[in-house]
Amino acid sequence: MSIPRPPAEIFKGSGKGVLNGEVDVIENDGGKVTNEFLAGASIALNLCRKFDIDIAVLAEFSPSCGSTAIYDGSFSGKKVPGMGVTAALLREHGVHVFSQYEIARANTALLATSS
C-alpha cells in the first residue's frame, strides 16, 4: 500500500467479519484492500508474540485499529460499534486492546500485569 494510503473502511461489517472472510476493506475509490489489512494484522500479532506484548493502544475508528468503534463503510464519517481488523485479531489472541482515549485504563491493565 502507498503512503499515505487512500481512505479505507470496512464495508458493511467489522474486523471480525473481515477475519472470517465475510466482508472486505474497501478504499474510497472502490479498491479492495482486504488482504493488505489482513497481512498488517498478522504482522502486528507476530510482533506481539515475539516481544511478549499483551497490551496494545491503537487508533480508534481505524479499519485496522478501532477497538470499540469504526467508520461504517459509507465514507460519510458515520461511526458504528465494532473493531478494526488488527484490533479483532489481537483480541482473539489474548492481547488487551485499548484506544488512545483509554490511556488510563491501559495503564491500569499494564500495572496489574506487571505486579
PDB file of N, CA and C in Angstrom:
ATOM      1  N   MET A   1       0.843  -1.180   0.000  1.00  0.00           N
ATOM      2  CA  MET A   1       0.000   0.000   0.000  1.00  0.00           C
ATOM      3  C   MET A   1       0.884   1.238   0.000  1.00  0.00           C
ATOM      4  N   SER A   2       0.406   2.264  -0.664  1.00  0.00           N
ATOM      5  CA  SER A   2       1.173   3.501  -0.723  1.00  0.00           C
ATOM      6  C   SER A   2       1.061   4.261   0.597  1.00  0.00           C
ATOM      7  N   ILE A   3       2.004   5.159   0.801  1.00  0.00           N
ATOM      8  CA  ILE A   3       1.982   6.014   1.987  1.00  0.00           C
ATOM      9  C   ILE A   3       2.022   7.443   1.495  1.00  0.00           C
ATOM     10  N   PRO A   4       1.073   8.291   1.818  1.00  0.00           N
ATOM     11  CA  PRO A   4      -0.127   7.906   2.572  1.00  0.00           C
ATOM     12  C   PRO A   4      -1.063   7.072   1.696  1.00  0.00           C
ATOM     13  N   ARG A   5      -1.870   6.273   2.346  1.00  0.00           N
ATOM     14  CA  ARG A   5      -2.809   5.437   1.605  1.00  0.00           C
ATOM     15  C   ARG A   5      -4.144   6.164   1.474  1.00  0.00           C
ATOM     16  N   PRO A   6      -4.921   5.812   0.466  1.00  0.00           N
ATOM     17  CA  PRO A   6      -6.270   6.387   0.354  1.00  0.00           C
ATOM     18  C   PRO A   6      -7.118   5.955   1.555  1.00  0.00           C
ATOM     19  N   PRO A   7      -8.150   6.728   1.890  1.00  0.00           N
ATOM     20  CA  PRO A   7      -9.046   6.310   2.972  1.00  0.00           C
ATOM     21  C   PRO A   7      -9.632   4.928   2.688  1.00  0.00           C
ATOM     22  N   ALA A   8      -9.752   4.134   3.740  1.00  0.00           N
ATOM     23  CA  ALA A   8     -10.325   2.792   3.620  1.00  0.00           C
ATOM     24  C   ALA A   8     -11.266   2.560   4.793  1.00  0.00           C
ATOM     25  N   GLU A   9     -12.314   1.809   4.540  1.00  0.00           N
ATOM     26  CA  GLU A   9     -13.275   1.459   5.583  1.00  0.00           C
ATOM     27  C   GLU A   9     -13.737   0.023   5.374  1.00  0.00           C
ATOM     28  N   ILE A  10     -14.213  -0.574   6.450  1.00  0.00           N
ATOM     29  CA  ILE A  10     -14.773  -1.923   6.366  1.00  0.00           C
ATOM     30  C   ILE A  10     -16.197  -1.783   5.846  1.00  0.00           C
ATOM     31  N   PHE A  11     -16.479  -2.441   4.734  1.00  0.00           N
ATOM     32  CA  PHE A  11     -17.771  -2.298   4.069  1.00  0.00           C
ATOM     33  C   PHE A  11     -18.808  -3.216   4.699  1.00  0.00           C
ATOM     34  N   LYS A  12     -19.776  -2.621   5.379  1.00  0.00           N
ATOM     35  CA  LYS A  12     -20.913  -3.338   5.969  1.00  0.00           C
ATOM     36  C   LYS A  12     -20.490  -4.457   6.912  1.00  0.00           C
ATOM     37  N   GLY A  13     -19.607  -4.139   7.851  1.00  0.00           N
ATOM     38  CA  GLY A  13     -19.195  -5.143   8.815  1.00  0.00           C
ATOM     39  C   GLY A  13     -18.143  -4.615   9.755  1.00  0.00           C
ATOM     40  N   SER A  14     -17.386  -5.530  10.334  1.00  0.00           N
ATOM     41  CA  SER A  14     -16.344  -5.173  11.296  1.00  0.00           C
ATOM     42  C   SER A  14     -15.115  -6.039  11.059  1.00  0.00           C
ATOM     43  N   GLY A  15     -14.088  -5.783  11.851  1.00  0.00           N
ATOM     44  CA  GLY A  15     -12.851  -6.542  11.728  1.00  0.00           C
ATOM     45  C   GLY A  15     -13.051  -8.034  11.888  1.00  0.00           C
ATOM     46  N   LYS A  16     -13.940  -8.416  12.767  1.00  0.00           N
ATOM     47  CA  LYS A  16     -14.225  -9.845  12.954  1.00  0.00           C
ATOM     48  C   LYS A  16     -14.782 -10.445  11.664  1.00  0.00           C
ATOM     49  N   GLY A  17     -15.643  -9.709  10.992  1.00  0.00           N
ATOM     50  CA  GLY A  17     -16.178 -10.167   9.716  1.00  0.00           C
ATOM     51  C   GLY A  17     -15.104 -10.282   8.650  1.00  0.00           C
ATOM     52  N   VAL A  18     -14.141  -9.356   8.672  1.00  0.00           N
ATOM     53  CA  VAL A  18     -13.015  -9.432   7.735  1.00  0.00           C
ATOM     54  C   VAL A  18     -12.202 -10.689   8.025  1.00  0.00           C
ATOM     55  N   LEU A  19     -11.906 -10.945   9.300  1.00  0.00           N
ATOM     56  CA  LEU A  19     -11.136 -12.134   9.677  1.00  0.00           C
ATOM     57  C   LEU A  19     -11.849 -13.415   9.253  1.00  0.00           C
ATOM     58  N   ASN A  20     -13.177 -13.403   9.306  1.00  0.00           N
ATOM     59  CA  ASN A  20     -13.969 -14.581   8.940  1.00  0.00           C
ATOM     60  C   ASN A  20     -14.236 -14.677   7.440  1.00  0.00           C
ATOM     61  N   GLY A  21     -13.725 -13.720   6.660  1.00  0.00           N
ATOM     62  CA  GLY A  21     -13.930 -13.741   5.218  1.00  0.00           C
ATOM     63  C   GLY A  21     -15.320 -13.326   4.775  1.00  0.00           C
ATOM     64  N   GLU A  22     -16.057 -12.654   5.648  1.00  0.00           N
ATOM     65  CA  GLU A  22     -17.442 -12.282   5.350  1.00  0.00           C
ATOM     66  C   GLU A  22     -17.580 -10.908   4.700  1.00  0.00           C
ATOM     67  N   VAL A  23     -16.657  -9.991   4.988  1.00  0.00           N
ATOM     68  CA  VAL A  23     -16.722  -8.621   4.464  1.00  0.00           C
ATOM     69  C   VAL A  23     -15.327  -8.175   4.049  1.00  0.00           C
ATOM     70  N   ASP A  24     -15.269  -7.053   3.334  1.00  0.00           N
ATOM     71  CA  ASP A  24     -13.999  -6.551   2.816  1.00  0.00           C
ATOM     72  C   ASP A  24     -13.665  -5.165   3.342  1.00  0.00           C
ATOM     73  N   VAL A  25     -12.384  -4.827   3.242  1.00  0.00           N
ATOM     74  CA  VAL A  25     -11.921  -3.465   3.478  1.00  0.00           C
ATOM     75  C   VAL A  25     -11.786  -2.831   2.095  1.00  0.00           C
ATOM     76  N   ILE A  26     -12.445  -1.689   1.931  1.00  0.00           N
ATOM     77  CA  ILE A  26     -12.529  -1.031   0.627  1.00  0.00           C
ATOM     78  C   ILE A  26     -11.981   0.390   0.736  1.00  0.00           C
ATOM     79  N   GLU A  27     -11.207   0.806  -0.266  1.00  0.00           N
ATOM     80  CA  GLU A  27     -10.751   2.193  -0.339  1.00  0.00           C
ATOM     81  C   GLU A  27     -11.869   3.064  -0.897  1.00  0.00           C
ATOM     82  N   ASN A  28     -11.759   4.374  -0.678  1.00  0.00           N
ATOM     83  CA  ASN A  28     -12.830   5.267  -1.132  1.00  0.00           C
ATOM     84  C   ASN A  28     -12.959   5.322  -2.656  1.00  0.00           C
ATOM     85  N   ASP A  29     -11.959   4.828  -3.378  1.00  0.00           N
ATOM     86  CA  ASP A  29     -12.063   4.757  -4.841  1.00  0.00           C
ATOM     87  C   ASP A  29     -12.580   3.397  -5.312  1.00  0.00           C
ATOM     88  N   GLY A  30     -12.962   2.538  -4.356  1.00  0.00           N
ATOM     89  CA  GLY A  30     -13.519   1.231  -4.680  1.00  0.00           C
ATOM     90  C   GLY A  30     -12.527   0.081  -4.658  1.00  0.00           C
ATOM     91  N   GLY A  31     -11.241   0.386  -4.506  1.00  0.00           N
ATOM     92  CA  GLY A  31     -10.229  -0.670  -4.464  1.00  0.00           C
ATOM     93  C   GLY A  31     -10.363  -1.540  -3.223  1.00  0.00           C
ATOM     94  N   LYS A  32     -10.260  -2.836  -3.411  1.00  0.00           N
ATOM     95  CA  LYS A  32     -10.351  -3.794  -2.301  1.00  0.00           C
ATOM     96  C   LYS A  32      -8.956  -3.998  -1.715  1.00  0.00           C
ATOM     97  N   VAL A  33      -8.805  -3.746  -0.413  1.00  0.00           N
ATOM     98  CA  VAL A  33      -7.506  -3.869   0.257  1.00  0.00           C
ATOM     99  C   VAL A  33      -7.579  -4.820   1.460  1.00  0.00           C
ATOM    100  N   THR A  34      -8.518  -5.733   1.404  1.00  0.00           N
ATOM    101  CA  THR A  34      -8.712  -6.693   2.494  1.00  0.00           C
ATOM    102  C   THR A  34      -7.436  -7.465   2.794  1.00  0.00           C
ATOM    103  N   ASN A  35      -6.794  -8.010   1.780  1.00  0.00           N
ATOM    104  CA  ASN A  35      -5.592  -8.817   2.002  1.00  0.00           C
ATOM    105  C   ASN A  35      -4.473  -8.013   2.641  1.00  0.00           C
ATOM    106  N   GLU A  36      -4.338  -6.760   2.269  1.00  0.00           N
ATOM    107  CA  GLU A  36      -3.308  -5.915   2.860  1.00  0.00           C
ATOM    108  C   GLU A  36      -3.579  -5.679   4.346  1.00  0.00           C
ATOM    109  N   PHE A  37      -4.845  -5.472   4.701  1.00  0.00           N
ATOM    110  CA  PHE A  37      -5.192  -5.268   6.105  1.00  0.00           C
ATOM    111  C   PHE A  37      -5.019  -6.556   6.906  1.00  0.00           C
ATOM    112  N   LEU A  38      -5.344  -7.692   6.314  1.00  0.00           N
ATOM    113  CA  LEU A  38      -5.110  -8.975   6.989  1.00  0.00           C
ATOM    114  C   LEU A  38      -3.620  -9.213   7.199  1.00  0.00           C
ATOM    115  N   ALA A  39      -2.810  -8.875   6.210  1.00  0.00           N
ATOM    116  CA  ALA A  39      -1.357  -9.045   6.339  1.00  0.00           C
ATOM    117  C   ALA A  39      -0.814  -8.145   7.438  1.00  0.00           C
ATOM    118  N   GLY A  40      -1.277  -6.903   7.491  1.00  0.00           N
ATOM    119  CA  GLY A  40      -0.833  -5.985   8.539  1.00  0.00           C
ATOM    120  C   GLY A  40      -1.218  -6.473   9.923  1.00  0.00           C
ATOM    121  N   ALA A  41      -2.423  -7.002  10.058  1.00  0.00           N
ATOM    122  CA  ALA A  41      -2.876  -7.540  11.342  1.00  0.00           C
ATOM    123  C   ALA A  41      -2.017  -8.726  11.758  1.00  0.00           C
ATOM    124  N   SER A  42      -1.680  -9.572  10.814  1.00  0.00           N
ATOM    125  CA  SER A  42      -0.832 -10.732  11.098  1.00  0.00           C
ATOM    126  C   SER A  42       0.560 -10.299  11.556  1.00  0.00           C
ATOM    127  N   ILE A  43       1.107  -9.283  10.914  1.00  0.00           N
ATOM    128  CA  ILE A  43       2.418  -8.761  11.329  1.00  0.00           C
ATOM    129  C   ILE A  43       2.336  -8.228  12.755  1.00  0.00           C
ATOM    130  N   ALA A  44       1.275  -7.480  13.064  1.00  0.00           N
ATOM    131  CA  ALA A  44       1.112  -6.943  14.418  1.00  0.00           C
ATOM    132  C   ALA A  44       1.028  -8.067  15.447  1.00  0.00           C
ATOM    133  N   LEU A  45       0.258  -9.110  15.141  1.00  0.00           N
ATOM    134  CA  LEU A  45       0.148 -10.242  16.064  1.00  0.00           C
ATOM    135  C   LEU A  45       1.501 -10.921  16.247  1.00  0.00           C
ATOM    136  N   ASN A  46       2.230 -11.124  15.174  1.00  0.00           N
ATOM    137  CA  ASN A  46       3.551 -11.749  15.281  1.00  0.00           C
ATOM    138  C   ASN A  46       4.502 -10.915  16.129  1.00  0.00           C
ATOM    139  N   LEU A  47       4.440  -9.599  16.013  1.00  0.00           N
ATOM    140  CA  LEU A  47       5.282  -8.732  16.845  1.00  0.00           C
ATOM    141  C   LEU A  47       4.878  -8.827  18.313  1.00  0.00           C
ATOM    142  N   CYS A  48       3.580  -8.893  18.578  1.00  0.00           N
ATOM    143  CA  CYS A  48       3.122  -9.059  19.964  1.00  0.00           C
ATOM    144  C   CYS A  48       3.648 -10.362  20.551  1.00  0.00           C
ATOM    145  N   ARG A  49       3.608 -11.417  19.765  1.00  0.00           N
ATOM    146  CA  ARG A  49       4.125 -12.708  20.235  1.00  0.00           C
ATOM    147  C   ARG A  49       5.638 -12.660  20.433  1.00  0.00           C
ATOM    148  N   LYS A  50       6.348 -12.093  19.473  1.00  0.00           N
ATOM    149  CA  LYS A  50       7.810 -12.042  19.528  1.00  0.00           C
ATOM    150  C   LYS A  50       8.303 -11.272  20.744  1.00  0.00           C
ATOM    151  N   PHE A  51       7.641 -10.161  21.054  1.00  0.00           N
ATOM    152  CA  PHE A  51       8.103  -9.297  22.136  1.00  0.00           C
ATOM    153  C   PHE A  51       7.256  -9.427  23.401  1.00  0.00           C
ATOM    154  N   ASP A  52       6.430 -10.467  23.480  1.00  0.00           N
ATOM    155  CA  ASP A  52       5.610 -10.758  24.656  1.00  0.00           C
ATOM    156  C   ASP A  52       4.746  -9.557  25.057  1.00  0.00           C
ATOM    157  N   ILE A  53       4.091  -8.973  24.074  1.00  0.00           N
ATOM    158  CA  ILE A  53       3.224  -7.817  24.301  1.00  0.00           C
ATOM    159  C   ILE A  53       1.807  -8.314  24.537  1.00  0.00           C
ATOM    160  N   ASP A  54       1.199  -7.877  25.639  1.00  0.00           N
ATOM    161  CA  ASP A  54      -0.176  -8.296  25.885  1.00  0.00           C
ATOM    162  C   ASP A  54      -1.130  -7.125  26.069  1.00  0.00           C
ATOM    163  N   ILE A  55      -0.630  -5.904  25.873  1.00  0.00           N
ATOM    164  CA  ILE A  55      -1.466  -4.708  25.912  1.00  0.00           C
ATOM    165  C   ILE A  55      -1.099  -3.836  24.718  1.00  0.00           C
ATOM    166  N   ALA A  56      -2.116  -3.377  23.988  1.00  0.00           N
ATOM    167  CA  ALA A  56      -1.874  -2.511  22.832  1.00  0.00           C
ATOM    168  C   ALA A  56      -2.808  -1.309  22.886  1.00  0.00           C
ATOM    169  N   VAL A  57      -2.272  -0.143  22.570  1.00  0.00           N
ATOM    170  CA  VAL A  57      -3.073   1.073  22.435  1.00  0.00           C
ATOM    171  C   VAL A  57      -3.102   1.410  20.948  1.00  0.00           C
ATOM    172  N   LEU A  58      -4.299   1.385  20.376  1.00  0.00           N
ATOM    173  CA  LEU A  58      -4.470   1.565  18.936  1.00  0.00           C
ATOM    174  C   LEU A  58      -5.395   2.751  18.644  1.00  0.00           C
ATOM    175  N   ALA A  59      -5.390   3.211  17.400  1.00  0.00           N
ATOM    176  CA  ALA A  59      -6.154   4.392  16.988  1.00  0.00           C
ATOM    177  C   ALA A  59      -7.626   4.060  16.736  1.00  0.00           C
ATOM    178  N   GLU A  60      -8.490   4.648  17.554  1.00  0.00           N
ATOM    179  CA  GLU A  60      -9.925   4.418  17.427  1.00  0.00           C
ATOM    180  C   GLU A  60     -10.438   4.864  16.059  1.00  0.00           C
ATOM    181  N   PHE A  61     -11.443   4.187  15.587  1.00  0.00           N
ATOM    182  CA  PHE A  61     -12.182   4.429  14.341  1.00  0.00           C
ATOM    183  C   PHE A  61     -11.477   3.911  13.091  1.00  0.00           C
ATOM    184  N   SER A  62     -10.236   3.498  13.200  1.00  0.00           N
ATOM    185  CA  SER A  62      -9.481   2.988  12.060  1.00  0.00           C
ATOM    186  C   SER A  62     -10.017   1.622  11.635  1.00  0.00           C
ATOM    187  N   PRO A  63      -9.996   1.318  10.317  1.00  0.00           N
ATOM    188  CA  PRO A  63     -10.427  -0.010   9.874  1.00  0.00           C
ATOM    189  C   PRO A  63      -9.466  -1.106  10.316  1.00  0.00           C
ATOM    190  N   SER A  64      -8.313  -0.719  10.784  1.00  0.00           N
ATOM    191  CA  SER A  64      -7.349  -1.668  11.319  1.00  0.00           C
ATOM    192  C   SER A  64      -7.395  -1.683  12.843  1.00  0.00           C
ATOM    193  N   CYS A  65      -7.353  -0.512  13.433  1.00  0.00           N
ATOM    194  CA  CYS A  65      -7.076  -0.389  14.862  1.00  0.00           C
ATOM    195  C   CYS A  65      -8.257  -0.036  15.747  1.00  0.00           C
ATOM    196  N   GLY A  66      -9.387   0.322  15.186  1.00  0.00           N
ATOM    197  CA  GLY A  66     -10.523   0.688  16.022  1.00  0.00           C
ATOM    198  C   GLY A  66     -10.822  -0.413  17.028  1.00  0.00           C
ATOM    199  N   SER A  67     -10.955  -0.034  18.301  1.00  0.00           N
ATOM    200  CA  SER A  67     -11.165  -1.065  19.321  1.00  0.00           C
ATOM    201  C   SER A  67     -12.601  -1.127  19.830  1.00  0.00           C
ATOM    202  N   THR A  68     -13.348  -0.034  19.705  1.00  0.00           N
ATOM    203  CA  THR A  68     -14.758  -0.054  20.107  1.00  0.00           C
ATOM    204  C   THR A  68     -15.672   0.509  19.031  1.00  0.00           C
ATOM    205  N   ALA A  69     -15.113   1.289  18.101  1.00  0.00           N
ATOM    206  CA  ALA A  69     -15.923   1.885  17.038  1.00  0.00           C
ATOM    207  C   ALA A  69     -15.082   2.058  15.777  1.00  0.00           C
ATOM    208  N   ILE A  70     -15.747   1.929  14.643  1.00  0.00           N
ATOM    209  CA  ILE A  70     -15.107   2.106  13.335  1.00  0.00           C
ATOM    210  C   ILE A  70     -16.066   2.900  12.445  1.00  0.00           C
ATOM    211  N   TYR A  71     -15.554   3.393  11.321  1.00  0.00           N
ATOM    212  CA  TYR A  71     -16.432   4.035  10.345  1.00  0.00           C
ATOM    213  C   TYR A  71     -17.267   2.963   9.650  1.00  0.00           C
ATOM    214  N   ASP A  72     -18.469   3.333   9.220  1.00  0.00           N
ATOM    215  CA  ASP A  72     -19.455   2.345   8.766  1.00  0.00           C
ATOM    216  C   ASP A  72     -19.276   1.824   7.342  1.00  0.00           C
ATOM    217  N   GLY A  73     -18.288   2.308   6.610  1.00  0.00           N
ATOM    218  CA  GLY A  73     -18.059   1.809   5.260  1.00  0.00           C
ATOM    219  C   GLY A  73     -18.680   2.661   4.174  1.00  0.00           C
ATOM    220  N   SER A  74     -19.375   3.734   4.557  1.00  0.00           N
ATOM    221  CA  SER A  74     -20.030   4.602   3.574  1.00  0.00           C
ATOM    222  C   SER A  74     -19.189   5.826   3.217  1.00  0.00           C
ATOM    223  N   PHE A  75     -18.067   6.018   3.909  1.00  0.00           N
ATOM    224  CA  PHE A  75     -17.192   7.177   3.727  1.00  0.00           C
ATOM    225  C   PHE A  75     -17.938   8.486   3.984  1.00  0.00           C
ATOM    226  N   SER A  76     -18.930   8.423   4.872  1.00  0.00           N
ATOM    227  CA  SER A  76     -19.719   9.600   5.231  1.00  0.00           C
ATOM    228  C   SER A  76     -19.313  10.170   6.586  1.00  0.00           C
ATOM    229  N   GLY A  77     -18.389   9.506   7.267  1.00  0.00           N
ATOM    230  CA  GLY A  77     -17.987   9.932   8.601  1.00  0.00           C
ATOM    231  C   GLY A  77     -18.811   9.302   9.710  1.00  0.00           C
ATOM    232  N   LYS A  78     -19.799   8.487   9.354  1.00  0.00           N
ATOM    233  CA  LYS A  78     -20.640   7.838  10.359  1.00  0.00           C
ATOM    234  C   LYS A  78     -19.861   6.715  11.036  1.00  0.00           C
ATOM    235  N   LYS A  79     -19.936   6.688  12.369  1.00  0.00           N
ATOM    236  CA  LYS A  79     -19.250   5.661  13.155  1.00  0.00           C
ATOM    237  C   LYS A  79     -20.264   4.661  13.693  1.00  0.00           C
ATOM    238  N   VAL A  80     -19.815   3.414  13.803  1.00  0.00           N
ATOM    239  CA  VAL A  80     -20.656   2.341  14.332  1.00  0.00           C
ATOM    240  C   VAL A  80     -19.834   1.519  15.329  1.00  0.00           C
ATOM    241  N   PRO A  81     -20.500   0.848  16.263  1.00  0.00           N
ATOM    242  CA  PRO A  81     -19.759  -0.027  17.173  1.00  0.00           C
ATOM    243  C   PRO A  81     -19.060  -1.135  16.390  1.00  0.00           C
ATOM    244  N   GLY A  82     -17.864  -1.482  16.803  1.00  0.00           N
ATOM    245  CA  GLY A  82     -17.132  -2.560  16.155  1.00  0.00           C
ATOM    246  C   GLY A  82     -15.637  -2.379  16.287  1.00  0.00           C
ATOM    247  N   MET A  83     -14.905  -3.378  15.855  1.00  0.00           N
ATOM    248  CA  MET A  83     -13.443  -3.362  15.912  1.00  0.00           C
ATOM    249  C   MET A  83     -12.869  -3.408  14.512  1.00  0.00           C
ATOM    250  N   GLY A  84     -11.665  -2.861  14.382  1.00  0.00           N
ATOM    251  CA  GLY A  84     -10.924  -2.985  13.146  1.00  0.00           C
ATOM    252  C   GLY A  84     -10.281  -4.367  13.049  1.00  0.00           C
ATOM    253  N   VAL A  85      -9.638  -4.626  11.939  1.00  0.00           N
ATOM    254  CA  VAL A  85      -9.066  -5.941  11.651  1.00  0.00           C
ATOM    255  C   VAL A  85      -7.973  -6.309  12.650  1.00  0.00           C
ATOM    256  N   THR A  86      -7.014  -5.429  12.869  1.00  0.00           N
ATOM    257  CA  THR A  86      -5.912  -5.725  13.790  1.00  0.00           C
ATOM    258  C   THR A  86      -6.418  -5.848  15.217  1.00  0.00           C
ATOM    259  N   ALA A  87      -7.279  -4.929  15.635  1.00  0.00           N
ATOM    260  CA  ALA A  87      -7.823  -4.997  16.993  1.00  0.00           C
ATOM    261  C   ALA A  87      -8.539  -6.326  17.217  1.00  0.00           C
ATOM    262  N   ALA A  88      -9.338  -6.756  16.252  1.00  0.00           N
ATOM    263  CA  ALA A  88     -10.069  -8.019  16.389  1.00  0.00           C
ATOM    264  C   ALA A  88      -9.119  -9.206  16.476  1.00  0.00           C
ATOM    265  N   LEU A  89      -8.088  -9.225  15.633  1.00  0.00           N
ATOM    266  CA  LEU A  89      -7.141 -10.346  15.651  1.00  0.00           C
ATOM    267  C   LEU A  89      -6.355 -10.378  16.957  1.00  0.00           C
ATOM    268  N   LEU A  90      -5.899  -9.226  17.413  1.00  0.00           N
ATOM    269  CA  LEU A  90      -5.144  -9.199  18.668  1.00  0.00           C
ATOM    270  C   LEU A  90      -6.010  -9.661  19.832  1.00  0.00           C
ATOM    271  N   ARG A  91      -7.235  -9.158  19.910  1.00  0.00           N
ATOM    272  CA  ARG A  91      -8.131  -9.588  20.994  1.00  0.00           C
ATOM    273  C   ARG A  91      -8.411 -11.084  20.918  1.00  0.00           C
ATOM    274  N   GLU A  92      -8.586 -11.586  19.713  1.00  0.00           N
ATOM    275  CA  GLU A  92      -8.838 -13.018  19.522  1.00  0.00           C
ATOM    276  C   GLU A  92      -7.696 -13.858  20.091  1.00  0.00           C
ATOM    277  N   HIS A  93      -6.500 -13.278  20.141  1.00  0.00           N
ATOM    278  CA  HIS A  93      -5.320 -13.991  20.627  1.00  0.00           C
ATOM    279  C   HIS A  93      -4.862 -13.507  21.997  1.00  0.00           C
ATOM    280  N   GLY A  94      -5.752 -12.875  22.746  1.00  0.00           N
ATOM    281  CA  GLY A  94      -5.489 -12.551  24.135  1.00  0.00           C
ATOM    282  C   GLY A  94      -4.794 -11.236  24.421  1.00  0.00           C
ATOM    283  N   VAL A  95      -4.553 -10.423  23.409  1.00  0.00           N
ATOM    284  CA  VAL A  95      -3.952  -9.108  23.649  1.00  0.00           C
ATOM    285  C   VAL A  95      -5.070  -8.164  24.097  1.00  0.00           C
ATOM    286  N   HIS A  96      -4.822  -7.412  25.160  1.00  0.00           N
ATOM    287  CA  HIS A  96      -5.780  -6.429  25.655  1.00  0.00           C
ATOM    288  C   HIS A  96      -5.621  -5.166  24.818  1.00  0.00           C
ATOM    289  N   VAL A  97      -6.674  -4.791  24.103  1.00  0.00           N
ATOM    290  CA  VAL A  97      -6.616  -3.664  23.173  1.00  0.00           C
ATOM    291  C   VAL A  97      -7.401  -2.484  23.738  1.00  0.00           C
ATOM    292  N   PHE A  98      -6.773  -1.315  23.696  1.00  0.00           N
ATOM    293  CA  PHE A  98      -7.382  -0.069  24.149  1.00  0.00           C
ATOM    294  C   PHE A  98      -7.219   0.982  23.058  1.00  0.00           C
ATOM    295  N   SER A  99      -8.086   1.992  23.084  1.00  0.00           N
ATOM    296  CA  SER A  99      -7.932   3.107  22.147  1.00  0.00           C
ATOM    297  C   SER A  99      -7.088   4.197  22.796  1.00  0.00           C
ATOM    298  N   GLN A 100      -6.722   5.189  21.991  1.00  0.00           N
ATOM    299  CA  GLN A 100      -5.957   6.308  22.512  1.00  0.00           C
ATOM    300  C   GLN A 100      -6.770   7.114  23.521  1.00  0.00           C
ATOM    301  N   TYR A 101      -8.076   6.898  23.570  1.00  0.00           N
ATOM    302  CA  TYR A 101      -8.934   7.583  24.531  1.00  0.00           C
ATOM    303  C   TYR A 101      -9.039   6.818  25.848  1.00  0.00           C
ATOM    304  N   GLU A 102      -8.386   5.680  25.932  1.00  0.00           N
ATOM    305  CA  GLU A 102      -8.455   4.825  27.127  1.00  0.00           C
ATOM    306  C   GLU A 102      -7.079   4.631  27.769  1.00  0.00           C
ATOM    307  N   ILE A 103      -6.258   5.641  27.718  1.00  0.00           N
ATOM    308  CA  ILE A 103      -4.895   5.524  28.251  1.00  0.00           C
ATOM    309  C   ILE A 103      -4.910   5.149  29.729  1.00  0.00           C
ATOM    310  N   ALA A 104      -5.800   5.741  30.513  1.00  0.00           N
ATOM    311  CA  ALA A 104      -5.852   5.424  31.947  1.00  0.00           C
ATOM    312  C   ALA A 104      -6.187   3.947  32.158  1.00  0.00           C
ATOM    313  N   ARG A 105      -7.148   3.429  31.400  1.00  0.00           N
ATOM    314  CA  ARG A 105      -7.494   2.003  31.516  1.00  0.00           C
ATOM    315  C   ARG A 105      -6.335   1.116  31.075  1.00  0.00           C
ATOM    316  N   ALA A 106      -5.650   1.515  30.009  1.00  0.00           N
ATOM    317  CA  ALA A 106      -4.494   0.742  29.538  1.00  0.00           C
ATOM    318  C   ALA A 106      -3.403   0.740  30.595  1.00  0.00           C
ATOM    319  N   ASN A 107      -3.182   1.885  31.233  1.00  0.00           N
ATOM    320  CA  ASN A 107      -2.170   1.977  32.284  1.00  0.00           C
ATOM    321  C   ASN A 107      -2.539   1.087  33.469  1.00  0.00           C
ATOM    322  N   THR A 108      -3.803   1.084  33.850  1.00  0.00           N
ATOM    323  CA  THR A 108      -4.251   0.218  34.943  1.00  0.00           C
ATOM    324  C   THR A 108      -4.007  -1.251  34.597  1.00  0.00           C
ATOM    325  N   ALA A 109      -4.320  -1.636  33.372  1.00  0.00           N
ATOM    326  CA  ALA A 109      -4.089  -3.017  32.934  1.00  0.00           C
ATOM    327  C   ALA A 109      -2.605  -3.344  32.930  1.00  0.00           C
ATOM    328  N   LEU A 110      -1.792  -2.402  32.496  1.00  0.00           N
ATOM    329  CA  LEU A 110      -0.344  -2.611  32.475  1.00  0.00           C
ATOM    330  C   LEU A 110       0.201  -2.790  33.886  1.00  0.00           C
ATOM    331  N   LEU A 111      -0.228  -1.938  34.799  1.00  0.00           N
ATOM    332  CA  LEU A 111       0.232  -2.051  36.186  1.00  0.00           C
ATOM    333  C   LEU A 111      -0.222  -3.367  36.807  1.00  0.00           C
ATOM    334  N   ALA A 112      -1.408  -3.826  36.468  1.00  0.00           N
ATOM    335  CA  ALA A 112      -1.921  -5.091  37.008  1.00  0.00           C
ATOM    336  C   ALA A 112      -1.116  -6.280  36.504  1.00  0.00           C
ATOM    337  N   THR A 113      -0.632  -6.213  35.263  1.00  0.00           N
ATOM    338  CA  THR A 113       0.131  -7.337  34.720  1.00  0.00           C
ATOM    339  C   THR A 113       1.578  -7.322  35.166  1.00  0.00           C
ATOM    340  N   SER A 114       2.072  -6.158  35.598  1.00  0.00           N
ATOM    341  CA  SER A 114       3.483  -6.092  35.990  1.00  0.00           C
ATOM    342  C   SER A 114       3.680  -6.295  37.483  1.00  0.00           C
ATOM    343  N   SER A 115       2.603  -6.525  38.243  1.00  0.00           N
ATOM    344  CA  SER A 115       2.748  -6.769  39.685  1.00  0.00           C
ATOM    345  C   SER A 115       3.004  -8.220  39.966  1.00  0.00           C
TER     346      SER A 115
END
